């Protein structure tokens, strides 16, 4: 099971280590390994959230997520995306952006690749922060049978009964962020990027829901959802699965922003960054598939809750970084802390149910 799920990741790790050594010698190798650990530590909550969506897809779309999806994640977000941001921000042609990237340069050196990308951070943080905030708010505002932090989840569920509560809260947070966190010259950019993030979430979610519903009625592509064995989770295909796939890719992009930007605190070499974060992205995909195949989310009932609270923390941290820098260690600790707390709570919950069941049998 481990080798079948993580085999590609192990192989890519070896390849990445070799490429790092050939490109930058022992220093290049060490930087690649550090960036791999950084990406995994910052994105484990991404794997848990991905698994909640991926388990609703059929086998074909799960394979597509591991193939086409990982190409988008590795080359699109870890290599092409920073080049596009630098090109647009500095009004450079694609070739000039690549040339600037290869010239490296320190993050404090005006005009350098790292400097231009860092200057674009407020817009990136606003887009990713609001997108992830919407994901978190829609989770905590939804009424559910299983509650983890009942003392706060019950009041939030009551707020969620109001129409468009998540949108109203997200817009309020965006307005406050633009007013108090963004500099005067960046306020318009932050507002615009945040609205785009909000709109992207709403559009993809709405289209996915529409096609999932029509497929459930037997109207989309002539397919019907099928149960996934003992779990009885409806598997979607066709256009519904496509929009879930698209949603996953945008979700992955939002999660990867902090890793891409944070990597420049370690090295300004875009080649080393692409190798290290790219290998880390493979592990996130493998963790996601592992969680789905093992049924971990159903075995540990509060793990999803922990991951979504970690998402909420990451959204807040991204918005805070519009003005202040937050060490990657802090971001990683929040994510790991919430997920660990959810896992421990799940174990305690399961053992408590077992003890009660045994007591009832004895009684």
Protein backbone atom coordinates (compact mmCIF):
# COMPACT_ATOMS: atom_id res chain seq x y z
CA UNK A 1 0.00 0.00 0.00
CA UNK A 2 2.76 2.47 0.99
CA UNK A 3 4.95 1.69 -2.00
CA UNK A 4 2.01 1.69 -4.41
CA UNK A 5 0.82 5.07 -3.14
CA UNK A 6 4.15 6.81 -2.50
CA UNK A 7 6.29 5.04 -5.11
CA UNK A 8 6.19 7.94 -7.57
CA UNK A 9 6.99 10.41 -4.79
CA UNK A 10 10.02 8.39 -3.68
CA UNK A 11 11.26 8.18 -7.25
CA UNK A 12 10.74 11.90 -7.87
CA UNK A 13 12.56 12.66 -4.61
CA UNK A 14 15.63 10.77 -5.84
CA UNK A 15 15.43 12.55 -9.20
CA UNK A 16 15.03 15.94 -7.52
CA UNK A 17 18.01 15.28 -5.25
CA UNK A 18 20.16 14.36 -8.25
CA UNK A 19 19.04 17.45 -10.20
CA UNK A 20 19.68 19.67 -7.18
CA UNK A 21 23.18 18.26 -6.78
CA UNK A 22 24.02 18.53 -10.48
CA UNK A 23 22.71 22.10 -10.61
CA UNK A 24 24.08 23.48 -7.36
CA UNK A 25 26.35 20.89 -5.81
CA UNK A 26 26.01 19.95 -2.12
CA UNK A 27 24.41 23.34 -1.36
CA UNK A 28 21.85 22.83 -4.12
CA UNK A 29 21.06 19.36 -2.77
CA UNK A 30 20.58 20.62 0.79
CA UNK A 31 18.35 23.49 -0.35
CA UNK A 32 16.17 21.10 -2.37
CA UNK A 33 15.72 18.83 0.67
CA UNK A 34 14.86 21.81 2.91
CA UNK A 35 12.26 23.04 0.42
CA UNK A 36 10.71 19.57 0.18
CA UNK A 37 10.24 19.52 3.96
CA UNK A 38 8.89 23.11 3.86
CA UNK A 39 6.28 22.25 1.22
CA UNK A 40 5.11 19.10 3.01
CA UNK A 41 4.88 20.79 6.43
CA UNK A 42 2.92 23.75 5.04
CA UNK A 43 0.58 21.69 2.88
CA UNK A 44 -0.45 18.62 4.88
CA UNK A 45 -3.77 20.30 5.64
CA UNK A 46 -4.09 20.68 1.86
CA UNK A 47 -3.92 16.89 1.50
CA UNK A 48 -6.69 16.35 4.06
CA UNK A 49 -8.98 18.92 2.42
CA UNK A 50 -8.20 17.51 -1.03
CA UNK A 51 -9.15 14.04 0.19
CA UNK A 52 -12.61 15.21 1.23
CA UNK A 53 -13.23 16.29 -2.38
CA UNK A 54 -11.33 13.53 -4.16
CA UNK A 55 -13.23 10.71 -2.48
CA UNK A 56 -16.35 11.95 -4.29
CA UNK A 57 -14.72 11.36 -7.72
CA UNK A 58 -14.64 8.11 -9.60
CA UNK A 59 -11.40 6.21 -10.31
CA UNK A 60 -10.82 7.92 -13.66
CA UNK A 61 -10.84 11.43 -12.20
CA UNK A 62 -8.73 10.35 -9.25
CA UNK A 63 -6.08 9.12 -11.71
CA UNK A 64 -6.38 12.38 -13.63
CA UNK A 65 -5.76 14.27 -10.40
CA UNK A 66 -2.53 12.33 -9.93
CA UNK A 67 -1.32 12.83 -13.50
CA UNK A 68 -2.58 16.00 -15.17
CA UNK A 69 -3.25 17.60 -11.79
CA UNK A 70 0.28 17.10 -10.53
CA UNK A 71 1.70 18.54 -13.76
CA UNK A 72 -0.39 21.67 -13.19
CA UNK A 73 0.69 21.81 -9.55
CA UNK A 74 4.41 21.28 -10.20
CA UNK A 75 5.00 23.20 -13.41
CA UNK A 76 2.05 25.57 -13.31
CA UNK A 77 2.11 26.83 -9.72
CA UNK A 78 5.72 26.21 -8.69
CA UNK A 79 7.43 27.33 -11.90
CA UNK A 80 5.16 29.17 -14.37
CA UNK A 81 3.01 31.09 -11.87
CA UNK A 82 5.89 33.08 -10.29
CA UNK A 83 7.15 33.93 -13.79
CA UNK A 84 3.70 35.18 -14.81
CA UNK A 85 3.39 37.29 -11.66
CA UNK A 86 6.83 38.84 -12.21
CA UNK A 87 6.11 39.41 -15.91
CA UNK A 88 2.79 41.15 -15.25
CA UNK A 89 4.06 43.16 -12.25
CA UNK A 90 7.19 44.41 -14.05
CA UNK A 91 5.61 44.61 -17.54
CA UNK A 92 8.12 42.12 -18.93
CA UNK A 93 7.83 39.71 -21.83
CA UNK A 94 7.89 35.99 -20.99
CA UNK A 95 11.51 35.70 -22.16
CA UNK A 96 12.59 38.72 -20.12
CA UNK A 97 10.85 37.28 -17.06
CA UNK A 98 12.74 34.00 -17.52
CA UNK A 99 16.01 35.90 -18.01
CA UNK A 100 15.38 37.90 -14.85
CA UNK A 101 14.63 34.70 -12.93
CA UNK A 102 17.86 33.07 -14.06
CA UNK A 103 19.80 36.15 -12.92
CA UNK A 104 18.52 35.38 -9.41
CA UNK A 105 19.15 38.38 -7.15
CA UNK A 106 18.35 39.06 -3.51
CA UNK A 107 14.81 39.71 -2.30
CA UNK A 108 15.96 43.15 -1.04
CA UNK A 109 17.52 44.10 -4.37
CA UNK A 110 15.10 46.36 -6.32
CA UNK A 111 14.33 45.02 -9.78
CA UNK A 112 15.40 41.46 -9.00
CA UNK A 113 13.10 38.47 -9.61
CA UNK A 114 12.65 37.80 -5.90
CA UNK A 115 12.03 41.50 -5.18
CA UNK A 116 9.33 41.86 -7.86
CA UNK A 117 7.57 38.69 -6.71
CA UNK A 118 7.72 39.89 -3.11
CA UNK A 119 6.21 43.24 -4.10
CA UNK A 120 3.29 41.38 -5.71
CA UNK A 121 2.62 39.49 -2.48
CA UNK A 122 -0.29 41.66 -1.21
CA UNK A 123 -2.42 40.77 -4.25
CA UNK A 124 -1.45 37.09 -4.06
CA UNK A 125 -2.21 36.97 -0.33
CA UNK A 126 -5.58 38.70 -0.79
CA UNK A 127 -6.69 36.25 -3.50
CA UNK A 128 -5.54 33.14 -1.64
CA UNK A 129 -6.65 34.39 1.76
CA UNK A 130 -10.22 35.18 0.70
CA UNK A 131 -10.56 31.97 -1.34
CA UNK A 132 -9.47 29.84 1.64
CA UNK A 133 -11.57 31.93 4.02
CA UNK A 134 -14.67 31.14 1.96
CA UNK A 135 -13.83 27.44 2.16
CA UNK A 136 -13.50 27.66 5.94
CA UNK A 137 -16.64 29.77 6.44
CA UNK A 138 -18.83 27.50 4.32
CA UNK A 139 -17.64 24.58 6.44
CA UNK A 140 -18.25 26.12 9.88
CA UNK A 141 -21.55 27.79 8.86
CA UNK A 142 -23.00 24.49 7.63
CA UNK A 143 -25.18 22.45 9.98
CA UNK A 144 -23.67 19.01 10.51
CA UNK A 145 -24.30 15.98 12.69
CA UNK A 146 -20.68 15.66 13.83
CA UNK A 147 -19.28 18.64 15.74
CA UNK A 148 -15.76 18.99 17.07
CA UNK A 149 -15.51 22.34 18.91
CA UNK A 150 -19.16 22.47 19.91
CA UNK A 151 -18.85 25.60 22.02
CA UNK A 152 -18.01 27.64 18.92
CA UNK A 153 -19.40 25.52 16.08
CA UNK A 154 -23.01 25.68 17.34
CA UNK A 155 -23.13 29.53 17.33
CA UNK A 156 -21.45 29.59 13.91
CA UNK A 157 -24.08 27.20 12.57
CA UNK A 158 -26.79 29.62 13.71
CA UNK A 159 -25.04 32.47 11.87
CA UNK A 160 -24.87 30.25 8.81
CA UNK A 161 -28.66 30.09 8.64
CA UNK A 162 -28.59 33.64 7.28
CA UNK A 163 -28.49 33.79 3.49
CA UNK A 164 -25.03 34.56 2.07
CA UNK A 165 -23.50 34.74 5.56
CA UNK A 166 -20.12 33.48 4.31
CA UNK A 167 -20.03 36.06 1.51
CA UNK A 168 -20.92 38.92 3.85
CA UNK A 169 -18.26 37.92 6.39
CA UNK A 170 -15.62 37.43 3.67
CA UNK A 171 -16.35 40.85 2.13
CA UNK A 172 -16.19 42.46 5.58
CA UNK A 173 -12.82 40.80 6.28
CA UNK A 174 -11.56 41.89 2.85
CA UNK A 175 -12.62 45.50 3.44
CA UNK A 176 -10.92 45.56 6.86
CA UNK A 177 -7.78 43.96 5.42
CA UNK A 178 -7.58 46.55 2.63
CA UNK A 179 -8.15 49.40 5.06
CA UNK A 180 -5.86 48.38 7.92
CA UNK A 181 -3.34 45.91 6.47
CA UNK A 182 -2.65 47.14 2.95
CA UNK A 183 -0.56 50.21 2.26
CA UNK A 184 -2.32 53.17 0.69
CA UNK A 185 -1.01 52.40 -2.80
CA UNK A 186 -1.97 48.71 -2.52
CA UNK A 187 -5.54 49.06 -1.22
CA UNK A 188 -7.15 48.96 -4.63
CA UNK A 189 -5.03 45.99 -5.68
CA UNK A 190 -5.88 44.07 -2.51
CA UNK A 191 -9.60 44.76 -2.91
CA UNK A 192 -9.55 43.70 -6.54
CA UNK A 193 -7.56 40.51 -5.90
CA UNK A 194 -9.78 39.59 -2.95
CA UNK A 195 -12.97 40.05 -4.97
CA UNK A 196 -11.47 37.85 -7.72
CA UNK A 197 -10.69 35.19 -5.11
CA UNK A 198 -14.24 35.38 -3.76
CA UNK A 199 -15.73 35.27 -7.24
CA UNK A 200 -13.56 32.31 -8.25
CA UNK A 201 -14.73 30.31 -5.24
CA UNK A 202 -18.40 31.12 -5.83
CA UNK A 203 -18.24 30.40 -9.58
CA UNK A 204 -16.47 27.06 -9.32
CA UNK A 205 -18.60 25.92 -6.37
CA UNK A 206 -21.83 26.91 -8.10
CA UNK A 207 -20.96 25.22 -11.39
CA UNK A 208 -19.82 22.08 -9.60
CA UNK A 209 -23.04 21.93 -7.58
CA UNK A 210 -25.19 22.43 -10.68
CA UNK A 211 -23.57 19.62 -12.64
CA UNK A 212 -23.39 17.33 -9.62
CA UNK A 213 -27.12 17.79 -9.05
CA UNK A 214 -27.97 17.24 -12.73
CA UNK A 215 -25.81 14.12 -12.76
CA UNK A 216 -27.60 12.86 -9.68
CA UNK A 217 -30.83 13.24 -11.62
CA UNK A 218 -29.35 11.24 -14.48
CA UNK A 219 -29.12 14.27 -16.78
CA UNK A 220 -25.40 14.93 -17.02
CA UNK A 221 -23.58 12.82 -19.60
CA UNK A 222 -26.04 10.01 -19.01
CA UNK A 223 -24.10 8.95 -15.91
CA UNK A 224 -25.39 8.33 -12.44
CA UNK A 225 -23.39 8.48 -9.23
CA UNK A 226 -22.38 5.08 -8.00
CA UNK A 227 -21.62 4.04 -4.42
CA UNK A 228 -18.01 3.38 -3.54
CA UNK A 229 -18.39 0.04 -1.82
CA UNK A 230 -18.78 -0.08 1.90
CA UNK A 231 -18.36 3.66 2.28
CA UNK A 232 -21.48 4.43 0.22
CA UNK A 233 -20.03 7.76 -0.94
CA UNK A 234 -21.57 8.84 -4.23
CA UNK A 235 -18.93 9.04 -6.96
CA UNK A 236 -19.38 11.74 -9.56
CA UNK A 237 -18.17 11.76 -13.16
CA UNK A 238 -18.61 13.85 -16.29
CA UNK A 239 -18.94 17.61 -15.95
CA UNK A 240 -19.56 17.45 -12.19
CA UNK A 241 -16.21 15.71 -11.69
CA UNK A 242 -14.53 18.20 -14.04
CA UNK A 243 -15.59 21.15 -11.88
CA UNK A 244 -14.54 19.30 -8.74
CA UNK A 245 -11.17 18.76 -10.45
CA UNK A 246 -11.00 22.47 -11.33
CA UNK A 247 -11.96 23.35 -7.76
CA UNK A 248 -9.13 21.14 -6.46
CA UNK A 249 -6.59 22.87 -8.70
CA UNK A 250 -7.62 26.36 -7.57
CA UNK A 251 -7.61 25.11 -3.98
CA UNK A 252 -4.09 23.74 -4.43
CA UNK A 253 -3.02 27.06 -5.92
CA UNK A 254 -4.34 28.95 -2.89
CA UNK A 255 -2.54 26.60 -0.52
CA UNK A 256 0.73 26.88 -2.45
CA UNK A 257 1.00 30.69 -2.30
CA UNK A 258 2.65 30.75 1.12
CA UNK A 259 5.11 28.04 0.12
CA UNK A 260 6.13 29.75 -3.12
CA UNK A 261 6.63 33.13 -1.47
CA UNK A 262 8.22 31.64 1.66
CA UNK A 263 10.73 29.70 -0.41
CA UNK A 264 12.43 32.96 -1.37
CA UNK A 265 13.41 33.39 2.28
CA UNK A 266 15.54 30.27 1.82
CA UNK A 267 16.89 30.81 -1.70
CA UNK A 268 16.27 33.19 -4.59
CA UNK A 269 17.16 30.58 -7.20
CA UNK A 270 13.92 29.77 -9.12
CA UNK A 271 15.31 26.47 -10.40
CA UNK A 272 16.04 25.17 -6.89
CA UNK A 273 12.63 26.43 -5.72
CA UNK A 274 10.83 24.69 -8.59
CA UNK A 275 12.63 21.40 -7.88
CA UNK A 276 12.10 21.43 -4.12
CA UNK A 277 8.48 22.59 -4.08
CA UNK A 278 7.68 20.38 -7.08
CA UNK A 279 8.86 17.27 -5.26
CA UNK A 280 6.87 18.37 -2.20
CA UNK A 281 3.76 18.70 -4.38
CA UNK A 282 4.08 15.02 -5.37
CA UNK A 283 4.00 14.05 -1.69
CA UNK A 284 0.85 16.11 -1.13
CA UNK A 285 -0.82 14.20 -3.99
CA UNK A 286 0.32 10.88 -2.54
CA UNK A 287 -0.91 11.79 0.95
CA UNK A 288 -4.27 12.70 -0.55
CA UNK A 289 -4.64 9.36 -2.34
CA UNK A 290 -3.49 7.51 0.81
CA UNK A 291 -6.20 9.20 2.91
CA UNK A 292 -8.85 8.32 0.31
CA UNK A 293 -7.82 4.67 -0.12
CA UNK A 294 -7.46 4.04 3.61
CA UNK A 295 -10.79 5.70 4.43
CA UNK A 296 -8.97 7.75 7.05
CA UNK A 297 -11.50 10.59 7.04
CA UNK A 298 -14.28 8.20 8.05
CA UNK A 299 -12.13 6.41 10.60
CA UNK A 300 -10.96 9.65 12.24
CA UNK A 301 -14.14 11.72 12.32
CA UNK A 302 -12.58 14.99 13.51
CA UNK A 303 -9.61 14.99 11.12
CA UNK A 304 -11.52 16.96 8.50
CA UNK A 305 -12.57 19.48 11.16
CA UNK A 306 -8.95 19.96 12.21
CA UNK A 307 -7.89 20.46 8.59
CA UNK A 308 -10.61 23.05 7.91
CA UNK A 309 -9.73 24.98 11.06
CA UNK A 310 -6.13 24.89 9.81
CA UNK A 311 -7.42 26.33 6.53
CA UNK A 312 -9.10 29.14 8.47
CA UNK A 313 -5.84 29.85 10.28
CA UNK A 314 -3.92 29.84 6.99
CA UNK A 315 -6.45 32.27 5.46
CA UNK A 316 -5.97 34.68 8.36
CA UNK A 317 -2.18 34.34 8.19
CA UNK A 318 -2.19 35.05 4.45
CA UNK A 319 -4.19 38.22 5.01
CA UNK A 320 -1.89 39.28 7.86
CA UNK A 321 1.11 38.91 5.54
CA UNK A 322 -0.31 41.72 3.41
CA UNK A 323 1.38 43.96 5.98
CA UNK A 324 3.59 41.84 8.21
CA UNK A 325 5.81 38.86 7.50
CA UNK A 326 4.87 35.63 9.29
CA UNK A 327 7.58 32.96 9.61
CA UNK A 328 6.85 29.76 7.70
CA UNK A 329 7.45 27.84 10.94
CA UNK A 330 4.44 29.56 12.52
CA UNK A 331 2.24 28.76 9.52
CA UNK A 332 3.35 25.13 9.54
CA UNK A 333 2.83 24.77 13.29
CA UNK A 334 -0.75 26.06 13.04
CA UNK A 335 -1.55 23.53 10.31
CA UNK A 336 0.09 20.58 12.03
CA UNK A 337 -1.35 21.62 15.41
CA UNK A 338 -4.97 21.71 14.27
CA UNK A 339 -4.65 18.43 12.35
CA UNK A 340 -2.93 16.72 15.29
CA UNK A 341 -5.66 17.97 17.63
CA UNK A 342 -8.34 16.65 15.26
CA UNK A 343 -6.61 13.27 15.04
CA UNK A 344 -6.20 12.97 18.84
CA UNK A 345 -9.84 13.97 19.38
CA UNK A 346 -10.89 11.32 16.85
CA UNK A 347 -8.93 8.61 18.65
CA UNK A 348 -10.42 9.60 22.01
CA UNK A 349 -13.91 9.69 20.46
CA UNK A 350 -13.52 6.21 18.95
CA UNK A 351 -12.18 4.69 22.17
CA UNK A 352 -14.96 6.29 24.19
CA UNK A 353 -17.58 4.78 21.86
CA UNK A 354 -15.92 1.39 22.16
CA UNK A 355 -15.89 1.56 25.97
CA UNK A 356 -19.57 2.58 26.02
CA UNK A 357 -20.45 -0.22 23.64
CA UNK A 358 -18.65 -2.79 25.77
CA UNK A 359 -20.35 -1.43 28.90
CA UNK A 360 -23.78 -1.76 27.28
CA UNK A 361 -23.04 -5.33 26.28
CA UNK A 362 -21.93 -6.19 29.80
CA UNK A 363 -24.97 -4.44 31.26
